[in-house]
Amino acid sequence: MAKRGGFPGGAMPGNMNNLMKQAQRMQRQMEEKSKEMEEKEWEATAGGGAVTVKVSGKKEITSVKLAEEVVDPDDIEMLEDLIMAATNEALRKMEEDNAAMMQQLTGGLGGMFG
């Protein structure tokens, strides 16, 4: 006579329950960490500190500081390049921290959540 239920020994439903609890816990942790990341700021400089840019975890520029000597009306292109370089570096730092946080939370689940 064939067995009913499809879960030999009844082990699968209990494991599924544990898996669901772990997934819910991970989701809560991810939400908390995401909120923390949104509140953080990252800073980067370019031109030996002539341009400083801060970005938030929401990927918004929150501050741009320019040294007086970098403001040359005859060389706007250099200033634009420095601002772009500092902004890109600050965003890269933020992305690296975000990736590290996700790696820590997921425990390296093979990219399943990222």
N, C-alpha and C. Protein backbone atom coordinates (compact mmCIF):
# COMPACT_ATOMS: atom_id res chain seq x y z
N MET A 1 0.83 -1.18 0.00
CA MET A 1 0.00 0.00 0.00
C MET A 1 0.88 1.25 0.00
N ALA A 2 0.54 2.26 -0.77
CA ALA A 2 1.34 3.48 -0.91
C ALA A 2 1.17 4.39 0.30
N LYS A 3 2.26 5.08 0.65
CA LYS A 3 2.21 6.03 1.76
C LYS A 3 1.52 7.30 1.31
N ARG A 4 0.89 7.97 2.24
CA ARG A 4 0.23 9.24 1.94
C ARG A 4 1.06 10.40 2.47
N GLY A 5 0.85 11.55 1.92
CA GLY A 5 1.46 12.76 2.47
C GLY A 5 2.71 13.22 1.73
N GLY A 6 3.50 12.34 1.22
CA GLY A 6 4.66 12.71 0.43
C GLY A 6 5.86 13.18 1.25
N PHE A 7 5.78 13.19 2.57
CA PHE A 7 6.91 13.58 3.42
C PHE A 7 7.29 12.40 4.28
N PRO A 8 8.29 11.62 3.87
CA PRO A 8 8.68 10.44 4.64
C PRO A 8 9.04 10.80 6.08
N GLY A 9 8.44 10.14 6.99
CA GLY A 9 8.75 10.36 8.41
C GLY A 9 8.21 11.67 8.94
N GLY A 10 7.49 12.42 8.13
CA GLY A 10 6.90 13.68 8.57
C GLY A 10 7.93 14.77 8.85
N ALA A 11 9.17 14.63 8.37
CA ALA A 11 10.24 15.57 8.71
C ALA A 11 10.14 16.88 7.94
N MET A 12 9.63 16.86 6.75
CA MET A 12 9.65 18.05 5.91
C MET A 12 8.84 19.22 6.47
N PRO A 13 7.62 19.04 6.95
CA PRO A 13 6.87 20.21 7.44
C PRO A 13 7.59 20.95 8.57
N GLY A 14 8.23 20.24 9.48
CA GLY A 14 8.98 20.88 10.56
C GLY A 14 10.16 21.67 10.03
N ASN A 15 10.89 21.11 9.08
CA ASN A 15 12.02 21.80 8.47
C ASN A 15 11.55 23.03 7.71
N MET A 16 10.42 22.93 7.06
CA MET A 16 9.87 24.05 6.31
C MET A 16 9.50 25.17 7.28
N ASN A 17 8.95 24.82 8.42
CA ASN A 17 8.61 25.80 9.45
C ASN A 17 9.86 26.55 9.92
N ASN A 18 10.91 25.81 10.20
CA ASN A 18 12.18 26.42 10.62
C ASN A 18 12.74 27.32 9.53
N LEU A 19 12.66 26.86 8.30
CA LEU A 19 13.16 27.63 7.17
C LEU A 19 12.39 28.95 7.04
N MET A 20 11.07 28.88 7.21
CA MET A 20 10.24 30.09 7.13
C MET A 20 10.59 31.06 8.27
N LYS A 21 10.81 30.54 9.46
CA LYS A 21 11.18 31.40 10.60
C LYS A 21 12.53 32.07 10.35
N GLN A 22 13.47 31.31 9.80
CA GLN A 22 14.79 31.87 9.50
C GLN A 22 14.67 32.95 8.42
N ALA A 23 13.84 32.71 7.42
CA ALA A 23 13.65 33.69 6.35
C ALA A 23 13.02 34.97 6.90
N GLN A 24 12.05 34.82 7.79
CA GLN A 24 11.40 36.00 8.39
C GLN A 24 12.39 36.78 9.25
N ARG A 25 13.21 36.06 10.01
CA ARG A 25 14.22 36.72 10.84
C ARG A 25 15.22 37.47 9.95
N MET A 26 15.64 36.82 8.87
CA MET A 26 16.58 37.45 7.95
C MET A 26 15.95 38.70 7.32
N GLN A 27 14.69 38.61 6.97
CA GLN A 27 14.00 39.76 6.37
C GLN A 27 13.96 40.93 7.35
N ARG A 28 13.64 40.66 8.62
CA ARG A 28 13.63 41.73 9.63
C ARG A 28 15.02 42.35 9.78
N GLN A 29 16.05 41.50 9.81
CA GLN A 29 17.41 42.01 9.94
C GLN A 29 17.79 42.86 8.73
N MET A 30 17.39 42.42 7.55
CA MET A 30 17.69 43.17 6.33
C MET A 30 16.99 44.53 6.35
N GLU A 31 15.76 44.56 6.83
CA GLU A 31 15.03 45.83 6.92
C GLU A 31 15.72 46.78 7.90
N GLU A 32 16.16 46.24 9.05
CA GLU A 32 16.86 47.06 10.04
C GLU A 32 18.17 47.60 9.48
N LYS A 33 18.94 46.73 8.83
CA LYS A 33 20.23 47.14 8.28
C LYS A 33 20.03 48.15 7.14
N SER A 34 19.00 47.94 6.33
CA SER A 34 18.72 48.88 5.25
C SER A 34 18.42 50.26 5.81
N LYS A 35 17.66 50.30 6.89
CA LYS A 35 17.34 51.57 7.53
C LYS A 35 18.62 52.23 8.07
N GLU A 36 19.49 51.42 8.68
CA GLU A 36 20.77 51.94 9.18
C GLU A 36 21.61 52.49 8.03
N MET A 37 21.65 51.76 6.91
CA MET A 37 22.44 52.19 5.77
C MET A 37 21.91 53.51 5.21
N GLU A 38 20.60 53.67 5.18
CA GLU A 38 20.01 54.91 4.65
C GLU A 38 20.42 56.12 5.49
N GLU A 39 20.66 55.91 6.78
CA GLU A 39 20.99 57.00 7.69
C GLU A 39 22.49 57.32 7.70
N LYS A 40 23.31 56.43 7.16
CA LYS A 40 24.75 56.64 7.14
C LYS A 40 25.16 57.59 6.03
N GLU A 41 26.37 58.14 6.16
CA GLU A 41 26.95 58.98 5.12
C GLU A 41 28.35 58.47 4.80
N TRP A 42 28.73 58.61 3.53
CA TRP A 42 30.06 58.26 3.09
C TRP A 42 30.68 59.51 2.47
N GLU A 43 31.98 59.64 2.68
CA GLU A 43 32.69 60.83 2.21
C GLU A 43 33.88 60.41 1.37
N ALA A 44 34.13 61.18 0.33
CA ALA A 44 35.32 60.94 -0.49
C ALA A 44 35.84 62.29 -0.98
N THR A 45 37.13 62.30 -1.28
CA THR A 45 37.76 63.53 -1.76
C THR A 45 38.44 63.29 -3.09
N ALA A 46 38.71 64.38 -3.78
CA ALA A 46 39.46 64.32 -5.04
C ALA A 46 40.35 65.55 -5.10
N GLY A 47 41.37 65.47 -5.92
CA GLY A 47 42.27 66.60 -6.07
C GLY A 47 43.04 66.90 -4.81
N GLY A 48 43.45 65.86 -4.09
CA GLY A 48 44.22 66.04 -2.87
C GLY A 48 43.43 66.76 -1.79
N GLY A 49 42.12 66.55 -1.77
CA GLY A 49 41.28 67.17 -0.75
C GLY A 49 40.64 68.47 -1.20
N ALA A 50 40.86 68.85 -2.45
CA ALA A 50 40.30 70.11 -2.97
C ALA A 50 38.78 70.03 -3.10
N VAL A 51 38.26 68.83 -3.34
CA VAL A 51 36.82 68.61 -3.44
C VAL A 51 36.45 67.47 -2.51
N THR A 52 35.44 67.70 -1.67
CA THR A 52 34.94 66.67 -0.77
C THR A 52 33.44 66.52 -1.01
N VAL A 53 33.01 65.28 -1.18
CA VAL A 53 31.59 65.00 -1.42
C VAL A 53 31.13 63.97 -0.40
N LYS A 54 29.93 64.19 0.14
CA LYS A 54 29.29 63.23 1.03
C LYS A 54 28.02 62.74 0.36
N VAL A 55 27.78 61.42 0.47
CA VAL A 55 26.54 60.83 -0.04
C VAL A 55 25.87 60.04 1.07
N SER A 56 24.56 59.91 0.96
CA SER A 56 23.79 59.15 1.95
C SER A 56 23.54 57.74 1.41
N GLY A 57 23.05 56.89 2.29
CA GLY A 57 22.67 55.54 1.90
C GLY A 57 21.48 55.53 0.96
N LYS A 58 20.83 56.66 0.81
CA LYS A 58 19.73 56.79 -0.14
C LYS A 58 20.24 57.20 -1.52
N LYS A 59 21.57 57.20 -1.66
CA LYS A 59 22.25 57.57 -2.90
C LYS A 59 21.97 59.02 -3.29
N GLU A 60 21.96 59.87 -2.27
CA GLU A 60 21.77 61.30 -2.49
C GLU A 60 23.02 62.03 -2.04
N ILE A 61 23.42 63.05 -2.79
CA ILE A 61 24.54 63.88 -2.38
C ILE A 61 24.04 64.78 -1.25
N THR A 62 24.73 64.73 -0.12
CA THR A 62 24.31 65.54 1.03
C THR A 62 25.21 66.74 1.25
N SER A 63 26.41 66.72 0.67
CA SER A 63 27.34 67.83 0.89
C SER A 63 28.41 67.84 -0.19
N VAL A 64 28.75 69.05 -0.63
CA VAL A 64 29.87 69.26 -1.55
C VAL A 64 30.68 70.41 -0.99
N LYS A 65 31.96 70.18 -0.72
CA LYS A 65 32.86 71.22 -0.22
C LYS A 65 33.96 71.44 -1.25
N LEU A 66 34.22 72.70 -1.54
CA LEU A 66 35.26 73.05 -2.51
C LEU A 66 36.30 73.94 -1.84
N ALA A 67 37.56 73.59 -2.03
CA ALA A 67 38.64 74.47 -1.57
C ALA A 67 38.66 75.68 -2.50
N GLU A 68 38.93 76.84 -1.93
CA GLU A 68 38.90 78.08 -2.69
C GLU A 68 39.80 78.04 -3.92
N GLU A 69 40.96 77.42 -3.77
CA GLU A 69 41.93 77.42 -4.88
C GLU A 69 41.49 76.57 -6.07
N VAL A 70 40.50 75.71 -5.88
CA VAL A 70 40.07 74.85 -6.99
C VAL A 70 39.02 75.55 -7.86
N VAL A 71 38.50 76.66 -7.38
CA VAL A 71 37.49 77.40 -8.14
C VAL A 71 38.19 78.38 -9.07
N ASP A 72 38.43 77.90 -10.29
CA ASP A 72 39.12 78.70 -11.31
C ASP A 72 38.15 78.89 -12.48
N PRO A 73 37.67 80.11 -12.68
CA PRO A 73 36.70 80.34 -13.75
C PRO A 73 37.24 79.97 -15.13
N ASP A 74 38.54 79.91 -15.27
CA ASP A 74 39.13 79.56 -16.56
C ASP A 74 39.27 78.04 -16.75
N ASP A 75 38.97 77.26 -15.69
CA ASP A 75 39.12 75.81 -15.78
C ASP A 75 37.95 75.11 -15.09
N ILE A 76 36.76 75.39 -15.53
CA ILE A 76 35.54 74.77 -14.99
C ILE A 76 35.57 73.26 -15.19
N GLU A 77 36.12 72.82 -16.30
CA GLU A 77 36.15 71.39 -16.62
C GLU A 77 36.89 70.59 -15.55
N MET A 78 38.00 71.12 -15.03
CA MET A 78 38.73 70.41 -13.99
C MET A 78 37.87 70.28 -12.73
N LEU A 79 37.18 71.34 -12.36
CA LEU A 79 36.32 71.31 -11.18
C LEU A 79 35.20 70.29 -11.37
N GLU A 80 34.62 70.26 -12.54
CA GLU A 80 33.57 69.27 -12.82
C GLU A 80 34.11 67.85 -12.68
N ASP A 81 35.30 67.62 -13.22
CA ASP A 81 35.92 66.29 -13.12
C ASP A 81 36.20 65.89 -11.67
N LEU A 82 36.67 66.85 -10.87
CA LEU A 82 36.96 66.57 -9.46
C LEU A 82 35.68 66.24 -8.69
N ILE A 83 34.62 66.99 -8.95
CA ILE A 83 33.34 66.72 -8.27
C ILE A 83 32.83 65.34 -8.67
N MET A 84 32.91 65.03 -9.94
CA MET A 84 32.46 63.73 -10.42
C MET A 84 33.29 62.60 -9.80
N ALA A 85 34.60 62.77 -9.74
CA ALA A 85 35.47 61.73 -9.18
C ALA A 85 35.17 61.51 -7.70
N ALA A 86 35.02 62.59 -6.94
CA ALA A 86 34.73 62.45 -5.51
C ALA A 86 33.36 61.81 -5.29
N THR A 87 32.38 62.21 -6.08
CA THR A 87 31.03 61.63 -5.95
C THR A 87 31.04 60.15 -6.27
N ASN A 88 31.69 59.77 -7.35
CA ASN A 88 31.75 58.36 -7.72
C ASN A 88 32.46 57.53 -6.67
N GLU A 89 33.51 58.07 -6.07
CA GLU A 89 34.24 57.35 -5.03
C GLU A 89 33.37 57.18 -3.78
N ALA A 90 32.64 58.22 -3.40
CA ALA A 90 31.75 58.12 -2.23
C ALA A 90 30.66 57.09 -2.48
N LEU A 91 30.09 57.08 -3.66
CA LEU A 91 29.06 56.09 -4.00
C LEU A 91 29.64 54.68 -4.01
N ARG A 92 30.87 54.52 -4.51
CA ARG A 92 31.52 53.21 -4.52
C ARG A 92 31.70 52.70 -3.09
N LYS A 93 32.14 53.58 -2.18
CA LYS A 93 32.31 53.19 -0.78
C LYS A 93 30.98 52.74 -0.18
N MET A 94 29.93 53.48 -0.48
CA MET A 94 28.61 53.14 0.03
C MET A 94 28.17 51.77 -0.50
N GLU A 95 28.37 51.52 -1.77
CA GLU A 95 27.99 50.24 -2.38
C GLU A 95 28.80 49.08 -1.78
N GLU A 96 30.08 49.31 -1.52
CA GLU A 96 30.92 48.27 -0.91
C GLU A 96 30.40 47.92 0.49
N ASP A 97 30.07 48.94 1.28
CA ASP A 97 29.54 48.70 2.62
C ASP A 97 28.20 47.97 2.55
N ASN A 98 27.37 48.35 1.60
CA ASN A 98 26.08 47.71 1.42
C ASN A 98 26.25 46.24 1.05
N ALA A 99 27.16 45.95 0.14
CA ALA A 99 27.42 44.57 -0.27
C ALA A 99 27.96 43.74 0.89
N ALA A 100 28.85 44.33 1.69
CA ALA A 100 29.40 43.63 2.85
C ALA A 100 28.31 43.33 3.87
N MET A 101 27.40 44.27 4.07
CA MET A 101 26.29 44.07 5.00
C MET A 101 25.39 42.94 4.51
N MET A 102 25.10 42.92 3.21
CA MET A 102 24.26 41.85 2.66
C MET A 102 24.94 40.50 2.78
N GLN A 103 26.24 40.47 2.52
CA GLN A 103 27.01 39.22 2.65
C GLN A 103 26.95 38.71 4.08
N GLN A 104 27.08 39.62 5.04
CA GLN A 104 27.04 39.25 6.45
C GLN A 104 25.66 38.70 6.82
N LEU A 105 24.61 39.34 6.34
CA LEU A 105 23.25 38.90 6.68
C LEU A 105 22.89 37.57 6.06
N THR A 106 23.24 37.40 4.79
CA THR A 106 22.83 36.18 4.09
C THR A 106 23.80 35.04 4.34
N GLY A 107 24.94 35.31 4.90
CA GLY A 107 25.90 34.24 5.18
C GLY A 107 26.41 33.58 3.90
N GLY A 108 26.41 34.31 2.82
CA GLY A 108 26.93 33.76 1.57
C GLY A 108 26.02 32.71 0.97
N LEU A 109 24.73 32.99 0.89
CA LEU A 109 23.77 32.03 0.35
C LEU A 109 23.80 31.97 -1.17
N GLY A 110 24.95 32.13 -1.73
CA GLY A 110 25.11 31.98 -3.18
C GLY A 110 24.43 33.07 -3.99
N GLY A 111 24.32 34.25 -3.44
CA GLY A 111 23.72 35.34 -4.18
C GLY A 111 22.21 35.26 -4.27
N MET A 112 21.62 34.36 -3.51
CA MET A 112 20.18 34.15 -3.56
C MET A 112 19.40 35.41 -3.25
N PHE A 113 19.94 36.27 -2.37
CA PHE A 113 19.21 37.46 -1.93
C PHE A 113 19.86 38.74 -2.41
N GLY A 114 20.73 38.70 -3.37
CA GLY A 114 21.39 39.93 -3.69
C GLY A 114 21.69 40.09 -5.11
